[in-house]
PDB file of N, CA and C in Angstrom:
ATOM      1  N   UNK A   1      97.468 -30.412 -26.469  1.00  0.00           N
ATOM      2  CA  UNK A   1      96.998 -29.887 -25.098  1.00  0.00           C
ATOM      3  C   UNK A   1      97.846 -30.329 -24.303  1.00  0.00           C
ATOM      4  N   UNK A   2      98.504 -29.535 -23.019  1.00  0.00           N
ATOM      5  CA  UNK A   2      99.476 -30.216 -22.107  1.00  0.00           C
ATOM      6  C   UNK A   2      98.251 -30.894 -20.998  1.00  0.00           C
ATOM      7  N   UNK A   3      98.967 -32.011 -20.475  1.00  0.00           N
ATOM      8  CA  UNK A   3      97.887 -32.614 -19.179  1.00  0.00           C
ATOM      9  C   UNK A   3      98.841 -31.912 -18.172  1.00  0.00           C
ATOM     10  N   UNK A   4      97.914 -31.933 -17.464  1.00  0.00           N
ATOM     11  CA  UNK A   4      98.142 -31.218 -16.372  1.00  0.00           C
ATOM     12  C   UNK A   4      98.204 -32.411 -15.044  1.00  0.00           C
ATOM     13  N   UNK A   5      99.107 -32.443 -14.134  1.00  0.00           N
ATOM     14  CA  UNK A   5      99.185 -33.257 -13.547  1.00  0.00           C
ATOM     15  C   UNK A   5      98.083 -33.095 -11.686  1.00  0.00           C
ATOM     16  N   UNK A   6      98.095 -34.215 -11.088  1.00  0.00           N
ATOM     17  CA  UNK A   6      96.847 -34.159  -9.853  1.00  0.00           C
ATOM     18  C   UNK A   6      97.066 -32.741  -9.386  1.00  0.00           C
ATOM     19  N   UNK A   7      98.108 -32.844  -8.466  1.00  0.00           N
ATOM     20  CA  UNK A   7      98.317 -31.581  -8.005  1.00  0.00           C
ATOM     21  C   UNK A   7      98.134 -30.532  -8.350  1.00  0.00           C
ATOM     22  N   UNK A   8      98.034 -30.362 -10.015  1.00  0.00           N
ATOM     23  CA  UNK A   8      97.907 -29.099 -10.755  1.00  0.00           C
ATOM     24  C   UNK A   8      96.107 -29.137 -10.801  1.00  0.00           C
ATOM     25  N   UNK A   9      95.988 -30.336 -10.788  1.00  0.00           N
ATOM     26  CA  UNK A   9      94.385 -30.178 -10.705  1.00  0.00           C
ATOM     27  C   UNK A   9      93.528 -29.903  -9.498  1.00  0.00           C
ATOM     28  N   UNK A  10      94.419 -30.361  -8.265  1.00  0.00           N
ATOM     29  CA  UNK A  10      93.910 -29.972  -6.934  1.00  0.00           C
ATOM     30  C   UNK A  10      93.971 -28.859  -6.660  1.00  0.00           C
ATOM     31  N   UNK A  11      95.122 -28.281  -6.990  1.00  0.00           N
ATOM     32  CA  UNK A  11      94.971 -26.863  -6.932  1.00  0.00           C
ATOM     33  C   UNK A  11      93.784 -25.984  -7.157  1.00  0.00           C
ATOM     34  N   UNK A  12      93.031 -26.170  -8.300  1.00  0.00           N
ATOM     35  CA  UNK A  12      92.270 -25.622  -8.515  1.00  0.00           C
ATOM     36  C   UNK A  12      91.103 -25.215  -7.943  1.00  0.00           C
ATOM     37  N   UNK A  13      90.741 -26.340  -7.256  1.00  0.00           N
ATOM     38  CA  UNK A  13      90.027 -26.427  -6.235  1.00  0.00           C
ATOM     39  C   UNK A  13      89.807 -25.489  -5.112  1.00  0.00           C
ATOM     40  N   UNK A  14      88.661 -25.031  -4.638  1.00  0.00           N
ATOM     41  CA  UNK A  14      88.470 -23.781  -3.602  1.00  0.00           C
ATOM     42  C   UNK A  14      88.066 -24.483  -2.172  1.00  0.00           C
ATOM     43  N   UNK A  15      88.373 -23.910  -1.705  1.00  0.00           N
ATOM     44  CA  UNK A  15      88.278 -24.652   0.167  1.00  0.00           C
ATOM     45  C   UNK A  15      87.852 -23.240   0.888  1.00  0.00           C
ATOM     46  N   UNK A  16      86.983 -23.356   1.668  1.00  0.00           N
ATOM     47  CA  UNK A  16      86.136 -22.217   2.232  1.00  0.00           C
ATOM     48  C   UNK A  16      86.559 -22.759   4.036  1.00  0.00           C
ATOM     49  N   UNK A  17      87.316 -22.286   4.531  1.00  0.00           N
ATOM     50  CA  UNK A  17      87.370 -23.015   6.053  1.00  0.00           C
ATOM     51  C   UNK A  17      86.390 -22.406   6.862  1.00  0.00           C
ATOM     52  N   UNK A  18      85.890 -23.346   7.563  1.00  0.00           N
ATOM     53  CA  UNK A  18      85.017 -22.780   8.537  1.00  0.00           C
ATOM     54  C   UNK A  18      85.892 -22.582   9.945  1.00  0.00           C
ATOM     55  N   UNK A  19      86.222 -21.194  10.163  1.00  0.00           N
ATOM     56  CA  UNK A  19      87.007 -20.757  11.458  1.00  0.00           C
ATOM     57  C   UNK A  19      86.182 -21.241  12.574  1.00  0.00           C
ATOM     58  N   UNK A  20      85.510 -21.441  12.770  1.00  0.00           N
ATOM     59  CA  UNK A  20      84.332 -21.474  13.991  1.00  0.00           C
ATOM     60  C   UNK A  20      84.076 -22.569  14.470  1.00  0.00           C
ATOM     61  N   UNK A  21      84.206 -23.577  13.565  1.00  0.00           N
ATOM     62  CA  UNK A  21      83.849 -25.141  14.019  1.00  0.00           C
ATOM     63  C   UNK A  21      84.417 -26.162  13.212  1.00  0.00           C
ATOM     64  N   UNK A  22      85.070 -27.231  13.184  1.00  0.00           N
ATOM     65  CA  UNK A  22      85.458 -28.272  12.597  1.00  0.00           C
ATOM     66  C   UNK A  22      84.313 -29.124  12.774  1.00  0.00           C
ATOM     67  N   UNK A  23      84.671 -30.135  11.320  1.00  0.00           N
ATOM     68  CA  UNK A  23      83.135 -30.441  11.074  1.00  0.00           C
ATOM     69  C   UNK A  23      83.826 -32.333  11.354  1.00  0.00           C
ATOM     70  N   UNK A  24      85.172 -32.356  11.605  1.00  0.00           N
ATOM     71  CA  UNK A  24      85.378 -33.525  12.499  1.00  0.00           C
ATOM     72  C   UNK A  24      85.362 -33.756  13.713  1.00  0.00           C
ATOM     73  N   UNK A  25      85.270 -34.942  14.297  1.00  0.00           N
ATOM     74  CA  UNK A  25      85.678 -34.766  15.727  1.00  0.00           C
ATOM     75  C   UNK A  25      86.216 -36.516  15.997  1.00  0.00           C
ATOM     76  N   UNK A  26      87.205 -36.504  16.560  1.00  0.00           N
ATOM     77  CA  UNK A  26      87.937 -37.782  17.005  1.00  0.00           C
ATOM     78  C   UNK A  26      87.455 -38.300  18.807  1.00  0.00           C
ATOM     79  N   UNK A  27      86.998 -39.501  18.653  1.00  0.00           N
ATOM     80  CA  UNK A  27      87.066 -39.872  20.168  1.00  0.00           C
ATOM     81  C   UNK A  27      88.060 -40.665  20.328  1.00  0.00           C
ATOM     82  N   UNK A  28      88.861 -40.073  21.130  1.00  0.00           N
ATOM     83  CA  UNK A  28      90.517 -40.789  21.630  1.00  0.00           C
ATOM     84  C   UNK A  28      90.683 -41.749  21.992  1.00  0.00           C
ATOM     85  N   UNK A  29      89.458 -41.922  22.853  1.00  0.00           N
ATOM     86  CA  UNK A  29      89.514 -43.308  23.477  1.00  0.00           C
ATOM     87  C   UNK A  29      89.369 -44.317  22.635  1.00  0.00           C
ATOM     88  N   UNK A  30      88.206 -44.193  21.793  1.00  0.00           N
ATOM     89  CA  UNK A  30      87.848 -45.246  20.841  1.00  0.00           C
ATOM     90  C   UNK A  30      88.764 -45.579  19.524  1.00  0.00           C
ATOM     91  N   UNK A  31      88.863 -44.525  19.495  1.00  0.00           N
ATOM     92  CA  UNK A  31      90.410 -44.487  18.106  1.00  0.00           C
ATOM     93  C   UNK A  31      91.679 -45.158  18.476  1.00  0.00           C
ATOM     94  N   UNK A  32      92.146 -45.129  19.722  1.00  0.00           N
ATOM     95  CA  UNK A  32      93.172 -45.822  20.645  1.00  0.00           C
ATOM     96  C   UNK A  32      92.814 -47.222  20.836  1.00  0.00           C
ATOM     97  N   UNK A  33      91.787 -47.427  21.428  1.00  0.00           N
ATOM     98  CA  UNK A  33      91.769 -48.776  21.730  1.00  0.00           C
ATOM     99  C   UNK A  33      91.247 -49.674  20.241  1.00  0.00           C
ATOM    100  N   UNK A  34      90.481 -49.469  19.202  1.00  0.00           N
ATOM    101  CA  UNK A  34      90.576 -49.974  18.214  1.00  0.00           C
ATOM    102  C   UNK A  34      91.359 -49.860  17.404  1.00  0.00           C
ATOM    103  N   UNK A  35      92.428 -49.144  17.164  1.00  0.00           N
ATOM    104  CA  UNK A  35      93.533 -48.549  16.148  1.00  0.00           C
ATOM    105  C   UNK A  35      93.011 -48.037  14.699  1.00  0.00           C
ATOM    106  N   UNK A  36      91.678 -47.307  15.034  1.00  0.00           N
ATOM    107  CA  UNK A  36      91.234 -46.501  14.120  1.00  0.00           C
ATOM    108  C   UNK A  36      92.213 -45.431  13.757  1.00  0.00           C
ATOM    109  N   UNK A  37      92.710 -44.823  14.645  1.00  0.00           N
ATOM    110  CA  UNK A  37      93.413 -43.460  15.107  1.00  0.00           C
ATOM    111  C   UNK A  37      94.850 -43.932  14.136  1.00  0.00           C
ATOM    112  N   UNK A  38      95.194 -44.826  13.927  1.00  0.00           N
ATOM    113  CA  UNK A  38      96.437 -45.298  13.067  1.00  0.00           C
ATOM    114  C   UNK A  38      95.849 -45.645  11.331  1.00  0.00           C
ATOM    115  N   UNK A  39      94.633 -45.770  11.566  1.00  0.00           N
ATOM    116  CA  UNK A  39      93.927 -46.431  10.409  1.00  0.00           C
ATOM    117  C   UNK A  39      93.620 -44.995   9.439  1.00  0.00           C
ATOM    118  N   UNK A  40      93.191 -43.973  10.131  1.00  0.00           N
ATOM    119  CA  UNK A  40      92.535 -42.972   9.578  1.00  0.00           C
ATOM    120  C   UNK A  40      93.805 -42.215   9.344  1.00  0.00           C
ATOM    121  N   UNK A  41      95.062 -41.935  10.071  1.00  0.00           N
ATOM    122  CA  UNK A  41      96.159 -41.479   9.193  1.00  0.00           C
ATOM    123  C   UNK A  41      96.538 -41.899   8.136  1.00  0.00           C
ATOM    124  N   UNK A  42      96.297 -42.963   8.412  1.00  0.00           N
ATOM    125  CA  UNK A  42      97.150 -43.719   7.010  1.00  0.00           C
ATOM    126  C   UNK A  42      96.538 -43.697   5.318  1.00  0.00           C
ATOM    127  N   UNK A  43      95.211 -43.849   5.652  1.00  0.00           N
ATOM    128  CA  UNK A  43      94.340 -43.888   4.317  1.00  0.00           C
ATOM    129  C   UNK A  43      93.709 -42.265   4.082  1.00  0.00           C
ATOM    130  N   UNK A  44      93.838 -41.525   4.944  1.00  0.00           N
ATOM    131  CA  UNK A  44      93.302 -40.005   4.425  1.00  0.00           C
ATOM    132  C   UNK A  44      94.776 -39.636   3.435  1.00  0.00           C
ATOM    133  N   UNK A  45      93.929 -39.313   2.222  1.00  0.00           N
ATOM    134  CA  UNK A  45      94.507 -38.622   0.907  1.00  0.00           C
ATOM    135  C   UNK A  45      94.883 -37.455   1.094  1.00  0.00           C
ATOM    136  N   UNK A  46      94.152 -36.535   2.062  1.00  0.00           N
ATOM    137  CA  UNK A  46      94.876 -35.172   2.391  1.00  0.00           C
ATOM    138  C   UNK A  46      95.671 -35.033   3.349  1.00  0.00           C
ATOM    139  N   UNK A  47      95.934 -36.171   4.260  1.00  0.00           N
ATOM    140  CA  UNK A  47      96.648 -35.844   5.289  1.00  0.00           C
ATOM    141  C   UNK A  47      96.234 -34.754   6.860  1.00  0.00           C
ATOM    142  N   UNK A  48      94.567 -35.156   6.277  1.00  0.00           N
ATOM    143  CA  UNK A  48      93.967 -34.515   7.478  1.00  0.00           C
ATOM    144  C   UNK A  48      94.041 -34.582   9.161  1.00  0.00           C
ATOM    145  N   UNK A  49      94.433 -35.837   9.409  1.00  0.00           N
ATOM    146  CA  UNK A  49      95.115 -36.722  10.344  1.00  0.00           C
ATOM    147  C   UNK A  49      96.503 -37.130  10.797  1.00  0.00           C
ATOM    148  N   UNK A  50      96.861 -36.950  11.801  1.00  0.00           N
ATOM    149  CA  UNK A  50      98.315 -36.936  12.217  1.00  0.00           C
ATOM    150  C   UNK A  50      98.043 -37.527  13.709  1.00  0.00           C
ATOM    151  N   UNK A  51      99.118 -38.687  13.615  1.00  0.00           N
ATOM    152  CA  UNK A  51      99.209 -39.182  15.017  1.00  0.00           C
ATOM    153  C   UNK A  51     100.610 -38.638  15.801  1.00  0.00           C
ATOM    154  N   UNK A  52      99.798 -37.759  17.038  1.00  0.00           N
ATOM    155  CA  UNK A  52     100.778 -37.009  17.956  1.00  0.00           C
ATOM    156  C   UNK A  52     101.735 -37.813  18.881  1.00  0.00           C
ATOM    157  N   UNK A  53     102.713 -37.397  19.304  1.00  0.00           N
ATOM    158  CA  UNK A  53     103.966 -38.050  20.220  1.00  0.00           C
ATOM    159  C   UNK A  53     103.139 -38.507  21.352  1.00  0.00           C
ATOM    160  N   UNK A  54     102.051 -38.198  21.943  1.00  0.00           N
ATOM    161  CA  UNK A  54     101.267 -39.085  23.288  1.00  0.00           C
ATOM    162  C   UNK A  54     100.405 -40.042  22.245  1.00  0.00           C
ATOM    163  N   UNK A  55     100.262 -40.295  21.279  1.00  0.00           N
ATOM    164  CA  UNK A  55      99.070 -41.198  20.708  1.00  0.00           C
ATOM    165  C   UNK A  55      97.634 -40.761  20.386  1.00  0.00           C
ATOM    166  N   UNK A  56      97.483 -39.278  20.713  1.00  0.00           N
ATOM    167  CA  UNK A  56      96.241 -38.911  20.243  1.00  0.00           C
ATOM    168  C   UNK A  56      96.433 -38.578  18.699  1.00  0.00           C
ATOM    169  N   UNK A  57      95.207 -38.468  18.194  1.00  0.00           N
ATOM    170  CA  UNK A  57      94.853 -37.956  17.043  1.00  0.00           C
ATOM    171  C   UNK A  57      94.818 -36.663  16.847  1.00  0.00           C
ATOM    172  N   UNK A  58      95.485 -35.594  16.098  1.00  0.00           N
ATOM    173  CA  UNK A  58      95.301 -34.429  15.668  1.00  0.00           C
ATOM    174  C   UNK A  58      94.654 -34.336  14.637  1.00  0.00           C
ATOM    175  N   UNK A  59      93.746 -32.988  14.114  1.00  0.00           N
ATOM    176  CA  UNK A  59      92.790 -33.311  12.906  1.00  0.00           C
ATOM    177  C   UNK A  59      92.900 -31.614  12.441  1.00  0.00           C
ATOM    178  N   UNK A  60      93.475 -31.668  10.809  1.00  0.00           N
ATOM    179  CA  UNK A  60      93.390 -30.448  10.302  1.00  0.00           C
ATOM    180  C   UNK A  60      92.497 -30.231   8.869  1.00  0.00           C
ATOM    181  N   UNK A  61      91.013 -30.154   9.996  1.00  0.00           N
ATOM    182  CA  UNK A  61      90.000 -30.269   9.097  1.00  0.00           C
ATOM    183  C   UNK A  61      90.115 -29.293   7.901  1.00  0.00           C
ATOM    184  N   UNK A  62      90.936 -28.404   8.159  1.00  0.00           N
ATOM    185  CA  UNK A  62      90.941 -27.462   6.918  1.00  0.00           C
ATOM    186  C   UNK A  62      91.017 -28.156   5.592  1.00  0.00           C
ATOM    187  N   UNK A  63      91.623 -28.899   5.898  1.00  0.00           N
ATOM    188  CA  UNK A  63      92.529 -29.574   4.462  1.00  0.00           C
ATOM    189  C   UNK A  63      91.627 -30.675   4.016  1.00  0.00           C
ATOM    190  N   UNK A  64      90.519 -31.197   4.625  1.00  0.00           N
ATOM    191  CA  UNK A  64      89.865 -32.425   4.094  1.00  0.00           C
ATOM    192  C   UNK A  64      88.785 -32.151   2.893  1.00  0.00           C
ATOM    193  N   UNK A  65      89.363 -32.847   2.058  1.00  0.00           N
ATOM    194  CA  UNK A  65      88.682 -32.852   0.704  1.00  0.00           C
ATOM    195  C   UNK A  65      87.377 -33.788   0.763  1.00  0.00           C
ATOM    196  N   UNK A  66      86.539 -34.059   1.812  1.00  0.00           N
ATOM    197  CA  UNK A  66      85.335 -34.762   1.910  1.00  0.00           C
ATOM    198  C   UNK A  66      85.037 -35.898   0.988  1.00  0.00           C
ATOM    199  N   UNK A  67      86.150 -37.119   1.376  1.00  0.00           N
ATOM    200  CA  UNK A  67      85.809 -38.092   0.314  1.00  0.00           C
ATOM    201  C   UNK A  67      85.558 -39.220   1.081  1.00  0.00           C
ATOM    202  N   UNK A  68      85.686 -39.384   2.278  1.00  0.00           N
ATOM    203  CA  UNK A  68      84.639 -40.218   2.950  1.00  0.00           C
ATOM    204  C   UNK A  68      85.619 -41.043   3.219  1.00  0.00           C
ATOM    205  N   UNK A  69      87.011 -41.308   2.953  1.00  0.00           N
ATOM    206  CA  UNK A  69      87.900 -42.855   3.131  1.00  0.00           C
ATOM    207  C   UNK A  69      87.848 -43.149   4.427  1.00  0.00           C
ATOM    208  N   UNK A  70      87.731 -41.940   5.706  1.00  0.00           N
ATOM    209  CA  UNK A  70      88.216 -42.093   6.850  1.00  0.00           C
ATOM    210  C   UNK A  70      86.571 -42.917   7.619  1.00  0.00           C
ATOM    211  N   UNK A  71      85.900 -42.624   7.186  1.00  0.00           N
ATOM    212  CA  UNK A  71      84.537 -43.027   7.658  1.00  0.00           C
ATOM    213  C   UNK A  71      84.521 -44.690   7.059  1.00  0.00           C
ATOM    214  N   UNK A  72      85.092 -44.568   5.962  1.00  0.00           N
ATOM    215  CA  UNK A  72      84.972 -46.261   5.803  1.00  0.00           C
ATOM    216  C   UNK A  72      85.399 -47.261   6.296  1.00  0.00           C
ATOM    217  N   UNK A  73      86.774 -46.320   7.366  1.00  0.00           N
ATOM    218  CA  UNK A  73      87.458 -47.751   7.783  1.00  0.00           C
ATOM    219  C   UNK A  73      87.472 -47.593   9.587  1.00  0.00           C
ATOM    220  N   UNK A  74      86.653 -45.940   9.565  1.00  0.00           N
ATOM    221  CA  UNK A  74      86.344 -45.814  11.466  1.00  0.00           C
ATOM    222  C   UNK A  74      85.691 -47.214  11.996  1.00  0.00           C
ATOM    223  N   UNK A  75      86.354 -47.132  13.461  1.00  0.00           N
ATOM    224  CA  UNK A  75      85.395 -48.058  13.957  1.00  0.00           C
ATOM    225  C   UNK A  75      83.985 -47.307  14.743  1.00  0.00           C
ATOM    226  N   UNK A  76      83.061 -48.109  14.858  1.00  0.00           N
ATOM    227  CA  UNK A  76      81.783 -47.235  15.560  1.00  0.00           C
ATOM    228  C   UNK A  76      82.115 -46.435  16.619  1.00  0.00           C
ATOM    229  N   UNK A  77      81.727 -45.242  16.345  1.00  0.00           N
ATOM    230  CA  UNK A  77      82.078 -44.247  17.448  1.00  0.00           C
ATOM    231  C   UNK A  77      83.072 -43.347  17.498  1.00  0.00           C
ATOM    232  N   UNK A  78      83.994 -44.006  17.324  1.00  0.00           N
ATOM    233  CA  UNK A  78      85.640 -43.618  16.774  1.00  0.00           C
ATOM    234  C   UNK A  78      85.849 -41.860  16.007  1.00  0.00           C
ATOM    235  N   UNK A  79      84.769 -41.637  15.545  1.00  0.00           N
ATOM    236  CA  UNK A  79      85.029 -40.681  14.442  1.00  0.00           C
ATOM    237  C   UNK A  79      83.640 -40.225  14.159  1.00  0.00           C
ATOM    238  N   UNK A  80      83.722 -38.575  14.389  1.00  0.00           N
ATOM    239  CA  UNK A  80      82.178 -38.080  14.298  1.00  0.00           C
ATOM    240  C   UNK A  80      82.804 -36.974  12.860  1.00  0.00           C
ATOM    241  N   UNK A  81      81.892 -37.286  11.624  1.00  0.00           N
ATOM    242  CA  UNK A  81      82.332 -36.844  10.731  1.00  0.00           C
ATOM    243  C   UNK A  81      80.752 -36.089   9.964  1.00  0.00           C
ATOM    244  N   UNK A  82      80.775 -34.930   9.506  1.00  0.00           N
ATOM    245  CA  UNK A  82      79.518 -34.277   8.927  1.00  0.00           C
ATOM    246  C   UNK A  82      80.092 -33.412   8.050  1.00  0.00           C
ATOM    247  N   UNK A  83      79.024 -32.983   6.664  1.00  0.00           N
ATOM    248  CA  UNK A  83      79.896 -32.164   5.779  1.00  0.00           C
ATOM    249  C   UNK A  83      79.939 -31.288   6.278  1.00  0.00           C
ATOM    250  N   UNK A  84      80.858 -30.255   6.112  1.00  0.00           N
ATOM    251  CA  UNK A  84      81.014 -28.538   6.733  1.00  0.00           C
ATOM    252  C   UNK A  84      79.754 -27.698   6.188  1.00  0.00           C
ATOM    253  N   UNK A  85      79.467 -26.975   7.218  1.00  0.00           N
ATOM    254  CA  UNK A  85      78.437 -25.604   7.697  1.00  0.00           C
ATOM    255  C   UNK A  85      78.108 -25.292   5.850  1.00  0.00           C
ATOM    256  N   UNK A  86      76.926 -24.703   5.661  1.00  0.00           N
ATOM    257  CA  UNK A  86      76.702 -24.473   3.950  1.00  0.00           C
ATOM    258  C   UNK A  86      77.337 -23.672   3.668  1.00  0.00           C
ATOM    259  N   UNK A  87      78.192 -23.569   2.709  1.00  0.00           N
ATOM    260  CA  UNK A  87      79.291 -22.570   1.935  1.00  0.00           C
ATOM    261  C   UNK A  87      80.431 -22.895   2.531  1.00  0.00           C
ATOM    262  N   UNK A  88      80.501 -23.702   3.243  1.00  0.00           N
ATOM    263  CA  UNK A  88      82.321 -24.164   3.429  1.00  0.00           C
ATOM    264  C   UNK A  88      82.515 -25.420   3.189  1.00  0.00           C
ATOM    265  N   UNK A  89      84.150 -25.703   3.323  1.00  0.00           N
ATOM    266  CA  UNK A  89      84.696 -26.980   2.806  1.00  0.00           C
ATOM    267  C   UNK A  89      85.244 -26.735   1.456  1.00  0.00           C
ATOM    268  N   UNK A  90      85.477 -28.008   0.748  1.00  0.00           N
ATOM    269  CA  UNK A  90      85.718 -28.005  -0.461  1.00  0.00           C
ATOM    270  C   UNK A  90      84.526 -27.341  -1.719  1.00  0.00           C
ATOM    271  N   UNK A  91      85.075 -26.853  -2.420  1.00  0.00           N
ATOM    272  CA  UNK A  91      84.216 -26.610  -3.643  1.00  0.00           C
ATOM    273  C   UNK A  91      85.232 -27.446  -4.940  1.00  0.00           C
ATOM    274  N   UNK A  92      84.825 -28.680  -5.493  1.00  0.00           N
ATOM    275  CA  UNK A  92      85.458 -29.012  -6.752  1.00  0.00           C
ATOM    276  C   UNK A  92      85.557 -28.421  -7.780  1.00  0.00           C
ATOM    277  N   UNK A  93      86.280 -28.073  -8.675  1.00  0.00           N
ATOM    278  CA  UNK A  93      86.516 -27.090  -9.991  1.00  0.00           C
ATOM    279  C   UNK A  93      86.677 -28.372 -11.119  1.00  0.00           C
ATOM    280  N   UNK A  94      86.394 -28.332 -12.084  1.00  0.00           N
ATOM    281  CA  UNK A  94      86.247 -29.438 -13.288  1.00  0.00           C
ATOM    282  C   UNK A  94      87.896 -29.253 -13.783  1.00  0.00           C
ATOM    283  N   UNK A  95      88.350 -30.042 -13.974  1.00  0.00           N
ATOM    284  CA  UNK A  95      90.092 -30.139 -14.419  1.00  0.00           C
ATOM    285  C   UNK A  95      90.398 -31.090 -14.611  1.00  0.00           C
TER     286      UNK A  95
END
């Protein structure tokens, strides 16, 4: 049996993007003041967060794998995160 790579296994997952609303919001002031912005950019395995030239943190919520790593390191109030609305987000597949 051929072993599959991590990218091949991740590609089996299904993503349903909520085009109407993001389930992630960054408080730019708190993120900048506490260093949370740089921390969540560094820790996110899906590369959902990016630091822009002006220092703000952009969010590509459609790529979120809902692992919670960002919540574990974010300063209180810097990040508002909830699961996507019903039927949206990632649907993990065995593999």
